[in-house]
Amino acid sequence: MYEIMFDTTPFNNPDYWKNGKQPFVYSFGDPTGYGQHADYLFGWQGDALQRAMDALGTKCASEDCTKVLKIQDGKNAIGCTKPQLAKEDVGSSTWLQTLPGNVQVL
């Protein structure tokens, strides 16, 4: 399972949500939210993945596998950040007029 969580609280302004539109667009051009993209990075420590697979269906169900694994809560997961590596304008201080790389919104 791959879970993506975003804190959208800063976007609770009703002006952003007029006429059935919403302000979020994925960097690959999807304005609907139906598309997802992930790059796999093996981050299991030791035999944790094997223990989770062995327990699936008996001691583990979806994200509820706390009997077998130590799972990070949502607040701590959201607090885990990585600094921006590719130095480009990502709209930190204002709305972007185009997506980075001039990707077209589909």
PDB file of N, CA and C in Angstrom:
ATOM      1  N   MET A   1       0.851  -1.177   0.000  1.00  0.00           N
ATOM      2  CA  MET A   1       0.000   0.000   0.000  1.00  0.00           C
ATOM      3  C   MET A   1       0.890   1.231   0.000  1.00  0.00           C
ATOM      4  N   TYR A   2       0.508   2.207  -0.732  1.00  0.00           N
ATOM      5  CA  TYR A   2       1.217   3.474  -0.774  1.00  0.00           C
ATOM      6  C   TYR A   2       0.197   4.549  -0.451  1.00  0.00           C
ATOM      7  N   GLU A   3       0.434   5.292   0.594  1.00  0.00           N
ATOM      8  CA  GLU A   3      -0.521   6.307   1.021  1.00  0.00           C
ATOM      9  C   GLU A   3       0.096   7.680   0.849  1.00  0.00           C
ATOM     10  N   ILE A   4      -0.688   8.603   0.314  1.00  0.00           N
ATOM     11  CA  ILE A   4      -0.242   9.978   0.129  1.00  0.00           C
ATOM     12  C   ILE A   4      -1.138  10.867   0.969  1.00  0.00           C
ATOM     13  N   MET A   5      -0.522  11.710   1.786  1.00  0.00           N
ATOM     14  CA  MET A   5      -1.297  12.611   2.633  1.00  0.00           C
ATOM     15  C   MET A   5      -0.805  14.035   2.409  1.00  0.00           C
ATOM     16  N   PHE A   6      -1.749  14.968   2.252  1.00  0.00           N
ATOM     17  CA  PHE A   6      -1.421  16.371   2.064  1.00  0.00           C
ATOM     18  C   PHE A   6      -2.178  17.189   3.091  1.00  0.00           C
ATOM     19  N   ASP A   7      -1.533  18.161   3.674  1.00  0.00           N
ATOM     20  CA  ASP A   7      -2.213  19.106   4.545  1.00  0.00           C
ATOM     21  C   ASP A   7      -2.756  20.216   3.657  1.00  0.00           C
ATOM     22  N   THR A   8      -4.052  20.196   3.399  1.00  0.00           N
ATOM     23  CA  THR A   8      -4.668  21.177   2.506  1.00  0.00           C
ATOM     24  C   THR A   8      -5.310  22.335   3.274  1.00  0.00           C
ATOM     25  N   THR A   9      -5.066  22.403   4.574  1.00  0.00           N
ATOM     26  CA  THR A   9      -5.648  23.465   5.392  1.00  0.00           C
ATOM     27  C   THR A   9      -5.385  24.865   4.838  1.00  0.00           C
ATOM     28  N   PRO A  10      -4.181  25.159   4.323  1.00  0.00           N
ATOM     29  CA  PRO A  10      -3.965  26.517   3.798  1.00  0.00           C
ATOM     30  C   PRO A  10      -4.837  26.866   2.596  1.00  0.00           C
ATOM     31  N   PHE A  11      -5.546  25.898   2.031  1.00  0.00           N
ATOM     32  CA  PHE A  11      -6.357  26.131   0.841  1.00  0.00           C
ATOM     33  C   PHE A  11      -7.851  26.089   1.147  1.00  0.00           C
ATOM     34  N   ASN A  12      -8.225  26.351   2.395  1.00  0.00           N
ATOM     35  CA  ASN A  12      -9.636  26.299   2.781  1.00  0.00           C
ATOM     36  C   ASN A  12     -10.413  27.551   2.409  1.00  0.00           C
ATOM     37  N   ASN A  13      -9.831  28.426   1.635  1.00  0.00           N
ATOM     38  CA  ASN A  13     -10.482  29.648   1.197  1.00  0.00           C
ATOM     39  C   ASN A  13     -11.542  29.289   0.141  1.00  0.00           C
ATOM     40  N   PRO A  14     -12.823  29.597   0.387  1.00  0.00           N
ATOM     41  CA  PRO A  14     -13.879  29.251  -0.579  1.00  0.00           C
ATOM     42  C   PRO A  14     -13.662  29.841  -1.972  1.00  0.00           C
ATOM     43  N   ASP A  15     -12.899  30.952  -2.063  1.00  0.00           N
ATOM     44  CA  ASP A  15     -12.639  31.547  -3.381  1.00  0.00           C
ATOM     45  C   ASP A  15     -11.847  30.609  -4.283  1.00  0.00           C
ATOM     46  N   TYR A  16     -11.110  29.682  -3.697  1.00  0.00           N
ATOM     47  CA  TYR A  16     -10.309  28.734  -4.491  1.00  0.00           C
ATOM     48  C   TYR A  16     -11.174  27.637  -5.113  1.00  0.00           C
ATOM     49  N   TRP A  17     -12.396  27.496  -4.657  1.00  0.00           N
ATOM     50  CA  TRP A  17     -13.225  26.348  -5.030  1.00  0.00           C
ATOM     51  C   TRP A  17     -14.495  26.768  -5.768  1.00  0.00           C
ATOM     52  N   LYS A  18     -14.426  27.809  -6.570  1.00  0.00           N
ATOM     53  CA  LYS A  18     -15.613  28.316  -7.264  1.00  0.00           C
ATOM     54  C   LYS A  18     -15.908  27.525  -8.540  1.00  0.00           C
ATOM     55  N   ASN A  19     -17.187  27.503  -8.925  1.00  0.00           N
ATOM     56  CA  ASN A  19     -17.640  26.908 -10.192  1.00  0.00           C
ATOM     57  C   ASN A  19     -17.230  25.446 -10.347  1.00  0.00           C
ATOM     58  N   GLY A  20     -17.205  24.707  -9.246  1.00  0.00           N
ATOM     59  CA  GLY A  20     -16.861  23.291  -9.319  1.00  0.00           C
ATOM     60  C   GLY A  20     -15.393  23.025  -9.586  1.00  0.00           C
ATOM     61  N   LYS A  21     -14.560  24.046  -9.532  1.00  0.00           N
ATOM     62  CA  LYS A  21     -13.122  23.907  -9.767  1.00  0.00           C
ATOM     63  C   LYS A  21     -12.406  23.759  -8.428  1.00  0.00           C
ATOM     64  N   GLN A  22     -11.241  23.180  -8.473  1.00  0.00           N
ATOM     65  CA  GLN A  22     -10.405  23.091  -7.286  1.00  0.00           C
ATOM     66  C   GLN A  22      -8.982  23.496  -7.683  1.00  0.00           C
ATOM     67  N   PRO A  23      -8.166  23.989  -6.731  1.00  0.00           N
ATOM     68  CA  PRO A  23      -6.889  24.596  -7.098  1.00  0.00           C
ATOM     69  C   PRO A  23      -5.716  23.631  -7.258  1.00  0.00           C
ATOM     70  N   PHE A  24      -5.923  22.356  -7.086  1.00  0.00           N
ATOM     71  CA  PHE A  24      -4.794  21.435  -7.082  1.00  0.00           C
ATOM     72  C   PHE A  24      -4.576  20.784  -8.444  1.00  0.00           C
ATOM     73  N   VAL A  25      -3.339  20.758  -8.863  1.00  0.00           N
ATOM     74  CA  VAL A  25      -2.945  20.106 -10.113  1.00  0.00           C
ATOM     75  C   VAL A  25      -1.651  19.363  -9.820  1.00  0.00           C
ATOM     76  N   TYR A  26      -1.621  18.082 -10.133  1.00  0.00           N
ATOM     77  CA  TYR A  26      -0.373  17.333  -9.957  1.00  0.00           C
ATOM     78  C   TYR A  26       0.677  17.835 -10.939  1.00  0.00           C
ATOM     79  N   SER A  27       1.930  17.699 -10.591  1.00  0.00           N
ATOM     80  CA  SER A  27       3.022  18.223 -11.418  1.00  0.00           C
ATOM     81  C   SER A  27       3.085  17.557 -12.788  1.00  0.00           C
ATOM     82  N   PHE A  28       2.424  16.414 -12.967  1.00  0.00           N
ATOM     83  CA  PHE A  28       2.418  15.755 -14.278  1.00  0.00           C
ATOM     84  C   PHE A  28       1.187  16.136 -15.086  1.00  0.00           C
ATOM     85  N   GLY A  29       0.425  17.158 -14.630  1.00  0.00           N
ATOM     86  CA  GLY A  29      -0.647  17.732 -15.433  1.00  0.00           C
ATOM     87  C   GLY A  29      -2.045  17.244 -15.138  1.00  0.00           C
ATOM     88  N   ASP A  30      -2.259  16.441 -14.103  1.00  0.00           N
ATOM     89  CA  ASP A  30      -3.590  15.915 -13.788  1.00  0.00           C
ATOM     90  C   ASP A  30      -4.331  16.877 -12.862  1.00  0.00           C
ATOM     91  N   PRO A  31      -5.421  17.520 -13.340  1.00  0.00           N
ATOM     92  CA  PRO A  31      -6.185  18.427 -12.492  1.00  0.00           C
ATOM     93  C   PRO A  31      -7.333  17.732 -11.745  1.00  0.00           C
ATOM     94  N   THR A  32      -7.516  16.423 -11.942  1.00  0.00           N
ATOM     95  CA  THR A  32      -8.663  15.726 -11.362  1.00  0.00           C
ATOM     96  C   THR A  32      -8.358  15.059 -10.024  1.00  0.00           C
ATOM     97  N   GLY A  33      -7.105  14.709  -9.795  1.00  0.00           N
ATOM     98  CA  GLY A  33      -6.752  13.991  -8.574  1.00  0.00           C
ATOM     99  C   GLY A  33      -6.849  12.493  -8.723  1.00  0.00           C
ATOM    100  N   TYR A  34      -7.240  12.011  -9.912  1.00  0.00           N
ATOM    101  CA  TYR A  34      -7.365  10.572 -10.117  1.00  0.00           C
ATOM    102  C   TYR A  34      -6.018   9.908 -10.392  1.00  0.00           C
ATOM    103  N   GLY A  35      -5.079  10.663 -10.908  1.00  0.00           N
ATOM    104  CA  GLY A  35      -3.765  10.105 -11.219  1.00  0.00           C
ATOM    105  C   GLY A  35      -2.859  10.132 -10.004  1.00  0.00           C
ATOM    106  N   GLN A  36      -1.986   9.185  -9.919  1.00  0.00           N
ATOM    107  CA  GLN A  36      -0.978   9.157  -8.859  1.00  0.00           C
ATOM    108  C   GLN A  36       0.336   8.728  -9.481  1.00  0.00           C
ATOM    109  N   HIS A  37       1.403   9.129  -8.843  1.00  0.00           N
ATOM    110  CA  HIS A  37       2.723   8.710  -9.296  1.00  0.00           C
ATOM    111  C   HIS A  37       3.570   8.461  -8.066  1.00  0.00           C
ATOM    112  N   ALA A  38       4.335   7.408  -8.112  1.00  0.00           N
ATOM    113  CA  ALA A  38       5.243   7.111  -7.006  1.00  0.00           C
ATOM    114  C   ALA A  38       6.496   6.461  -7.566  1.00  0.00           C
ATOM    115  N   ASP A  39       7.581   6.759  -6.954  1.00  0.00           N
ATOM    116  CA  ASP A  39       8.832   6.087  -7.261  1.00  0.00           C
ATOM    117  C   ASP A  39       9.140   5.189  -6.071  1.00  0.00           C
ATOM    118  N   TYR A  40       9.376   3.929  -6.337  1.00  0.00           N
ATOM    119  CA  TYR A  40       9.608   2.978  -5.258  1.00  0.00           C
ATOM    120  C   TYR A  40      11.014   3.145  -4.697  1.00  0.00           C
ATOM    121  N   LEU A  41      11.081   3.214  -3.392  1.00  0.00           N
ATOM    122  CA  LEU A  41      12.355   3.269  -2.688  1.00  0.00           C
ATOM    123  C   LEU A  41      12.280   2.233  -1.589  1.00  0.00           C
ATOM    124  N   PHE A  42      13.171   1.260  -1.628  1.00  0.00           N
ATOM    125  CA  PHE A  42      13.138   0.211  -0.622  1.00  0.00           C
ATOM    126  C   PHE A  42      13.602   0.787   0.702  1.00  0.00           C
ATOM    127  N   GLY A  43      12.694   0.859   1.653  1.00  0.00           N
ATOM    128  CA  GLY A  43      13.028   1.470   2.926  1.00  0.00           C
ATOM    129  C   GLY A  43      12.726   0.582   4.124  1.00  0.00           C
ATOM    130  N   TRP A  44      12.555  -0.699   3.873  1.00  0.00           N
ATOM    131  CA  TRP A  44      12.269  -1.608   4.978  1.00  0.00           C
ATOM    132  C   TRP A  44      13.555  -1.922   5.731  1.00  0.00           C
ATOM    133  N   GLN A  45      13.479  -1.883   7.031  1.00  0.00           N
ATOM    134  CA  GLN A  45      14.655  -2.171   7.838  1.00  0.00           C
ATOM    135  C   GLN A  45      14.692  -3.668   8.182  1.00  0.00           C
ATOM    136  N   GLY A  46      15.843  -4.277   7.970  1.00  0.00           N
ATOM    137  CA  GLY A  46      16.024  -5.688   8.325  1.00  0.00           C
ATOM    138  C   GLY A  46      14.994  -6.581   7.664  1.00  0.00           C
ATOM    139  N   ASP A  47      14.322  -7.396   8.466  1.00  0.00           N
ATOM    140  CA  ASP A  47      13.339  -8.352   7.946  1.00  0.00           C
ATOM    141  C   ASP A  47      11.897  -7.855   8.084  1.00  0.00           C
ATOM    142  N   ALA A  48      11.707  -6.528   8.250  1.00  0.00           N
ATOM    143  CA  ALA A  48      10.365  -5.982   8.480  1.00  0.00           C
ATOM    144  C   ALA A  48       9.397  -6.324   7.346  1.00  0.00           C
ATOM    145  N   LEU A  49       9.834  -6.210   6.099  1.00  0.00           N
ATOM    146  CA  LEU A  49       8.953  -6.524   4.977  1.00  0.00           C
ATOM    147  C   LEU A  49       8.526  -7.982   5.017  1.00  0.00           C
ATOM    148  N   GLN A  50       9.453  -8.881   5.275  1.00  0.00           N
ATOM    149  CA  GLN A  50       9.118 -10.301   5.322  1.00  0.00           C
ATOM    150  C   GLN A  50       8.140 -10.598   6.463  1.00  0.00           C
ATOM    151  N   ARG A  51       8.360  -9.983   7.628  1.00  0.00           N
ATOM    152  CA  ARG A  51       7.445 -10.185   8.764  1.00  0.00           C
ATOM    153  C   ARG A  51       6.046  -9.682   8.417  1.00  0.00           C
ATOM    154  N   ALA A  52       5.948  -8.544   7.744  1.00  0.00           N
ATOM    155  CA  ALA A  52       4.642  -8.016   7.357  1.00  0.00           C
ATOM    156  C   ALA A  52       3.958  -8.929   6.346  1.00  0.00           C
ATOM    157  N   MET A  53       4.706  -9.430   5.367  1.00  0.00           N
ATOM    158  CA  MET A  53       4.133 -10.326   4.362  1.00  0.00           C
ATOM    159  C   MET A  53       3.663 -11.631   5.000  1.00  0.00           C
ATOM    160  N   ASP A  54       4.451 -12.163   5.925  1.00  0.00           N
ATOM    161  CA  ASP A  54       4.066 -13.408   6.598  1.00  0.00           C
ATOM    162  C   ASP A  54       2.812 -13.228   7.445  1.00  0.00           C
ATOM    163  N   ALA A  55       2.602 -12.021   7.988  1.00  0.00           N
ATOM    164  CA  ALA A  55       1.461 -11.766   8.868  1.00  0.00           C
ATOM    165  C   ALA A  55       0.232 -11.276   8.129  1.00  0.00           C
ATOM    166  N   LEU A  56       0.360 -10.961   6.837  1.00  0.00           N
ATOM    167  CA  LEU A  56      -0.753 -10.418   6.071  1.00  0.00           C
ATOM    168  C   LEU A  56      -1.943 -11.377   6.086  1.00  0.00           C
ATOM    169  N   GLY A  57      -3.081 -10.859   6.485  1.00  0.00           N
ATOM    170  CA  GLY A  57      -4.302 -11.661   6.535  1.00  0.00           C
ATOM    171  C   GLY A  57      -4.552 -12.312   7.881  1.00  0.00           C
ATOM    172  N   THR A  58      -3.541 -12.374   8.727  1.00  0.00           N
ATOM    173  CA  THR A  58      -3.743 -12.953  10.059  1.00  0.00           C
ATOM    174  C   THR A  58      -3.495 -11.912  11.151  1.00  0.00           C
ATOM    175  N   LYS A  59      -2.332 -11.274  11.130  1.00  0.00           N
ATOM    176  CA  LYS A  59      -1.998 -10.252  12.119  1.00  0.00           C
ATOM    177  C   LYS A  59      -1.912  -8.868  11.492  1.00  0.00           C
ATOM    178  N   CYS A  60      -2.004  -8.802  10.184  1.00  0.00           N
ATOM    179  CA  CYS A  60      -1.925  -7.526   9.461  1.00  0.00           C
ATOM    180  C   CYS A  60      -3.081  -7.409   8.483  1.00  0.00           C
ATOM    181  N   ALA A  61      -3.670  -6.209   8.425  1.00  0.00           N
ATOM    182  CA  ALA A  61      -4.698  -5.917   7.438  1.00  0.00           C
ATOM    183  C   ALA A  61      -4.510  -4.485   6.989  1.00  0.00           C
ATOM    184  N   SER A  62      -4.186  -4.305   5.712  1.00  0.00           N
ATOM    185  CA  SER A  62      -3.956  -2.986   5.146  1.00  0.00           C
ATOM    186  C   SER A  62      -2.932  -2.239   5.981  1.00  0.00           C
ATOM    187  N   GLU A  63      -3.284  -1.017   6.445  1.00  0.00           N
ATOM    188  CA  GLU A  63      -2.309  -0.256   7.220  1.00  0.00           C
ATOM    189  C   GLU A  63      -2.310  -0.628   8.702  1.00  0.00           C
ATOM    190  N   ASP A  64      -3.203  -1.511   9.121  1.00  0.00           N
ATOM    191  CA  ASP A  64      -3.255  -1.922  10.521  1.00  0.00           C
ATOM    192  C   ASP A  64      -2.390  -3.161  10.731  1.00  0.00           C
ATOM    193  N   CYS A  65      -1.127  -2.939  10.999  1.00  0.00           N
ATOM    194  CA  CYS A  65      -0.178  -4.038  11.173  1.00  0.00           C
ATOM    195  C   CYS A  65       0.677  -3.784  12.421  1.00  0.00           C
ATOM    196  N   THR A  66       0.068  -3.114  13.395  1.00  0.00           N
ATOM    197  CA  THR A  66       0.827  -2.699  14.574  1.00  0.00           C
ATOM    198  C   THR A  66       1.248  -3.858  15.470  1.00  0.00           C
ATOM    199  N   LYS A  67       0.657  -5.025  15.292  1.00  0.00           N
ATOM    200  CA  LYS A  67       1.084  -6.188  16.075  1.00  0.00           C
ATOM    201  C   LYS A  67       2.433  -6.704  15.591  1.00  0.00           C
ATOM    202  N   VAL A  68       2.787  -6.373  14.368  1.00  0.00           N
ATOM    203  CA  VAL A  68       4.005  -6.886  13.755  1.00  0.00           C
ATOM    204  C   VAL A  68       5.032  -5.777  13.499  1.00  0.00           C
ATOM    205  N   LEU A  69       4.537  -4.604  13.121  1.00  0.00           N
ATOM    206  CA  LEU A  69       5.425  -3.502  12.746  1.00  0.00           C
ATOM    207  C   LEU A  69       5.178  -2.267  13.594  1.00  0.00           C
ATOM    208  N   LYS A  70       6.211  -1.459  13.767  1.00  0.00           N
ATOM    209  CA  LYS A  70       6.051  -0.149  14.374  1.00  0.00           C
ATOM    210  C   LYS A  70       5.678   0.798  13.234  1.00  0.00           C
ATOM    211  N   ILE A  71       4.504   1.419  13.341  1.00  0.00           N
ATOM    212  CA  ILE A  71       3.996   2.259  12.262  1.00  0.00           C
ATOM    213  C   ILE A  71       3.978   3.711  12.712  1.00  0.00           C
ATOM    214  N   GLN A  72       4.463   4.582  11.854  1.00  0.00           N
ATOM    215  CA  GLN A  72       4.509   6.007  12.134  1.00  0.00           C
ATOM    216  C   GLN A  72       3.111   6.593  12.002  1.00  0.00           C
ATOM    217  N   ASP A  73       2.707   7.441  12.959  1.00  0.00           N
ATOM    218  CA  ASP A  73       1.382   8.056  12.856  1.00  0.00           C
ATOM    219  C   ASP A  73       1.392   9.166  11.803  1.00  0.00           C
ATOM    220  N   GLY A  74       0.199   9.576  11.392  1.00  0.00           N
ATOM    221  CA  GLY A  74       0.066  10.560  10.317  1.00  0.00           C
ATOM    222  C   GLY A  74       0.753  11.874  10.621  1.00  0.00           C
ATOM    223  N   LYS A  75       0.640  12.375  11.860  1.00  0.00           N
ATOM    224  CA  LYS A  75       1.253  13.659  12.214  1.00  0.00           C
ATOM    225  C   LYS A  75       2.769  13.601  12.035  1.00  0.00           C
ATOM    226  N   ASN A  76       3.394  12.528  12.490  1.00  0.00           N
ATOM    227  CA  ASN A  76       4.842  12.402  12.329  1.00  0.00           C
ATOM    228  C   ASN A  76       5.233  12.181  10.872  1.00  0.00           C
ATOM    229  N   ALA A  77       4.409  11.438  10.135  1.00  0.00           N
ATOM    230  CA  ALA A  77       4.706  11.209   8.713  1.00  0.00           C
ATOM    231  C   ALA A  77       4.680  12.520   7.944  1.00  0.00           C
ATOM    232  N   ILE A  78       3.676  13.366   8.210  1.00  0.00           N
ATOM    233  CA  ILE A  78       3.576  14.658   7.536  1.00  0.00           C
ATOM    234  C   ILE A  78       4.743  15.557   7.938  1.00  0.00           C
ATOM    235  N   GLY A  79       5.210  15.411   9.170  1.00  0.00           N
ATOM    236  CA  GLY A  79       6.326  16.214   9.650  1.00  0.00           C
ATOM    237  C   GLY A  79       7.661  15.816   9.061  1.00  0.00           C
ATOM    238  N   CYS A  80       7.713  14.666   8.415  1.00  0.00           N
ATOM    239  CA  CYS A  80       8.948  14.192   7.803  1.00  0.00           C
ATOM    240  C   CYS A  80       9.091  14.852   6.438  1.00  0.00           C
ATOM    241  N   THR A  81      10.081  15.700   6.292  1.00  0.00           N
ATOM    242  CA  THR A  81      10.244  16.426   5.038  1.00  0.00           C
ATOM    243  C   THR A  81      11.661  16.273   4.502  1.00  0.00           C
ATOM    244  N   LYS A  82      11.807  16.594   3.263  1.00  0.00           N
ATOM    245  CA  LYS A  82      13.108  16.567   2.597  1.00  0.00           C
ATOM    246  C   LYS A  82      13.257  17.900   1.879  1.00  0.00           C
ATOM    247  N   PRO A  83      14.416  18.537   1.996  1.00  0.00           N
ATOM    248  CA  PRO A  83      14.581  19.828   1.326  1.00  0.00           C
ATOM    249  C   PRO A  83      14.510  19.695  -0.191  1.00  0.00           C
ATOM    250  N   GLN A  84      14.081  20.764  -0.841  1.00  0.00           N
ATOM    251  CA  GLN A  84      13.980  20.797  -2.294  1.00  0.00           C
ATOM    252  C   GLN A  84      15.365  20.631  -2.904  1.00  0.00           C
ATOM    253  N   LEU A  85      15.514  19.660  -3.800  1.00  0.00           N
ATOM    254  CA  LEU A  85      16.804  19.402  -4.433  1.00  0.00           C
ATOM    255  C   LEU A  85      16.946  20.110  -5.777  1.00  0.00           C
ATOM    256  N   ALA A  86      15.899  20.059  -6.590  1.00  0.00           N
ATOM    257  CA  ALA A  86      15.930  20.744  -7.887  1.00  0.00           C
ATOM    258  C   ALA A  86      15.506  22.185  -7.645  1.00  0.00           C
ATOM    259  N   LYS A  87      16.423  23.097  -7.815  1.00  0.00           N
ATOM    260  CA  LYS A  87      16.141  24.507  -7.521  1.00  0.00           C
ATOM    261  C   LYS A  87      15.348  25.139  -8.666  1.00  0.00           C
ATOM    262  N   GLU A  88      14.027  25.165  -8.498  1.00  0.00           N
ATOM    263  CA  GLU A  88      13.139  25.797  -9.460  1.00  0.00           C
ATOM    264  C   GLU A  88      11.950  26.351  -8.704  1.00  0.00           C
ATOM    265  N   ASP A  89      11.268  27.301  -9.284  1.00  0.00           N
ATOM    266  CA  ASP A  89      10.109  27.913  -8.659  1.00  0.00           C
ATOM    267  C   ASP A  89       8.985  26.878  -8.586  1.00  0.00           C
ATOM    268  N   VAL A  90       8.547  26.571  -7.383  1.00  0.00           N
ATOM    269  CA  VAL A  90       7.457  25.617  -7.202  1.00  0.00           C
ATOM    270  C   VAL A  90       6.238  26.286  -6.565  1.00  0.00           C
ATOM    271  N   GLY A  91       6.208  27.609  -6.628  1.00  0.00           N
ATOM    272  CA  GLY A  91       5.050  28.332  -6.121  1.00  0.00           C
ATOM    273  C   GLY A  91       5.029  28.478  -4.620  1.00  0.00           C
ATOM    274  N   SER A  92       6.181  28.586  -4.003  1.00  0.00           N
ATOM    275  CA  SER A  92       6.233  28.724  -2.548  1.00  0.00           C
ATOM    276  C   SER A  92       5.660  30.042  -2.055  1.00  0.00           C
ATOM    277  N   SER A  93       5.751  31.090  -2.858  1.00  0.00           N
ATOM    278  CA  SER A  93       5.297  32.405  -2.401  1.00  0.00           C
ATOM    279  C   SER A  93       4.124  32.958  -3.216  1.00  0.00           C
ATOM    280  N   THR A  94       3.812  32.341  -4.335  1.00  0.00           N
ATOM    281  CA  THR A  94       2.706  32.812  -5.178  1.00  0.00           C
ATOM    282  C   THR A  94       2.232  31.656  -6.065  1.00  0.00           C
ATOM    283  N   TRP A  95       1.052  31.795  -6.658  1.00  0.00           N
ATOM    284  CA  TRP A  95       0.541  30.769  -7.566  1.00  0.00           C
ATOM    285  C   TRP A  95       1.407  30.713  -8.813  1.00  0.00           C
ATOM    286  N   LEU A  96       1.685  29.528  -9.303  1.00  0.00           N
ATOM    287  CA  LEU A  96       2.427  29.371 -10.552  1.00  0.00           C
ATOM    288  C   LEU A  96       1.499  29.613 -11.738  1.00  0.00           C
ATOM    289  N   GLN A  97       1.999  30.263 -12.754  1.00  0.00           N
ATOM    290  CA  GLN A  97       1.224  30.477 -13.976  1.00  0.00           C
ATOM    291  C   GLN A  97       1.298  29.254 -14.891  1.00  0.00           C
ATOM    292  N   THR A  98       2.410  28.515 -14.823  1.00  0.00           N
ATOM    293  CA  THR A  98       2.577  27.264 -15.557  1.00  0.00           C
ATOM    294  C   THR A  98       3.252  26.264 -14.627  1.00  0.00           C
ATOM    295  N   LEU A  99       3.126  24.998 -14.935  1.00  0.00           N
ATOM    296  CA  LEU A  99       3.780  23.973 -14.138  1.00  0.00           C
ATOM    297  C   LEU A  99       5.284  23.965 -14.428  1.00  0.00           C
ATOM    298  N   PRO A 100       6.102  23.569 -13.454  1.00  0.00           N
ATOM    299  CA  PRO A 100       7.548  23.454 -13.715  1.00  0.00           C
ATOM    300  C   PRO A 100       7.782  22.576 -14.935  1.00  0.00           C
ATOM    301  N   GLY A 101       8.740  22.976 -15.749  1.00  0.00           N
ATOM    302  CA  GLY A 101       9.020  22.229 -16.983  1.00  0.00           C
ATOM    303  C   GLY A 101       8.016  22.514 -18.080  1.00  0.00           C
ATOM    304  N   ASN A 102       7.076  23.453 -17.831  1.00  0.00           N
ATOM    305  CA  ASN A 102       6.034  23.814 -18.796  1.00  0.00           C
ATOM    306  C   ASN A 102       5.129  22.616 -19.135  1.00  0.00           C
ATOM    307  N   VAL A 103       4.932  21.720 -18.182  1.00  0.00           N
ATOM    308  CA  VAL A 103       4.037  20.575 -18.367  1.00  0.00           C
ATOM    309  C   VAL A 103       2.609  21.105 -18.573  1.00  0.00           C
ATOM    310  N   GLN A 104       1.899  20.551 -19.551  1.00  0.00           N
ATOM    311  CA  GLN A 104       0.544  20.978 -19.860  1.00  0.00           C
ATOM    312  C   GLN A 104      -0.456  20.310 -18.916  1.00  0.00           C
ATOM    313  N   VAL A 105      -1.448  21.084 -18.468  1.00  0.00           N
ATOM    314  CA  VAL A 105      -2.531  20.530 -17.655  1.00  0.00           C
ATOM    315  C   VAL A 105      -3.491  19.857 -18.602  1.00  0.00           C
ATOM    316  N   LEU A 106      -3.756  18.588 -18.380  1.00  0.00           N
ATOM    317  CA  LEU A 106      -4.587  17.804 -19.297  1.00  0.00           C
ATOM    318  C   LEU A 106      -6.067  18.029 -19.066  1.00  0.00           C
TER     319      LEU A 106
END
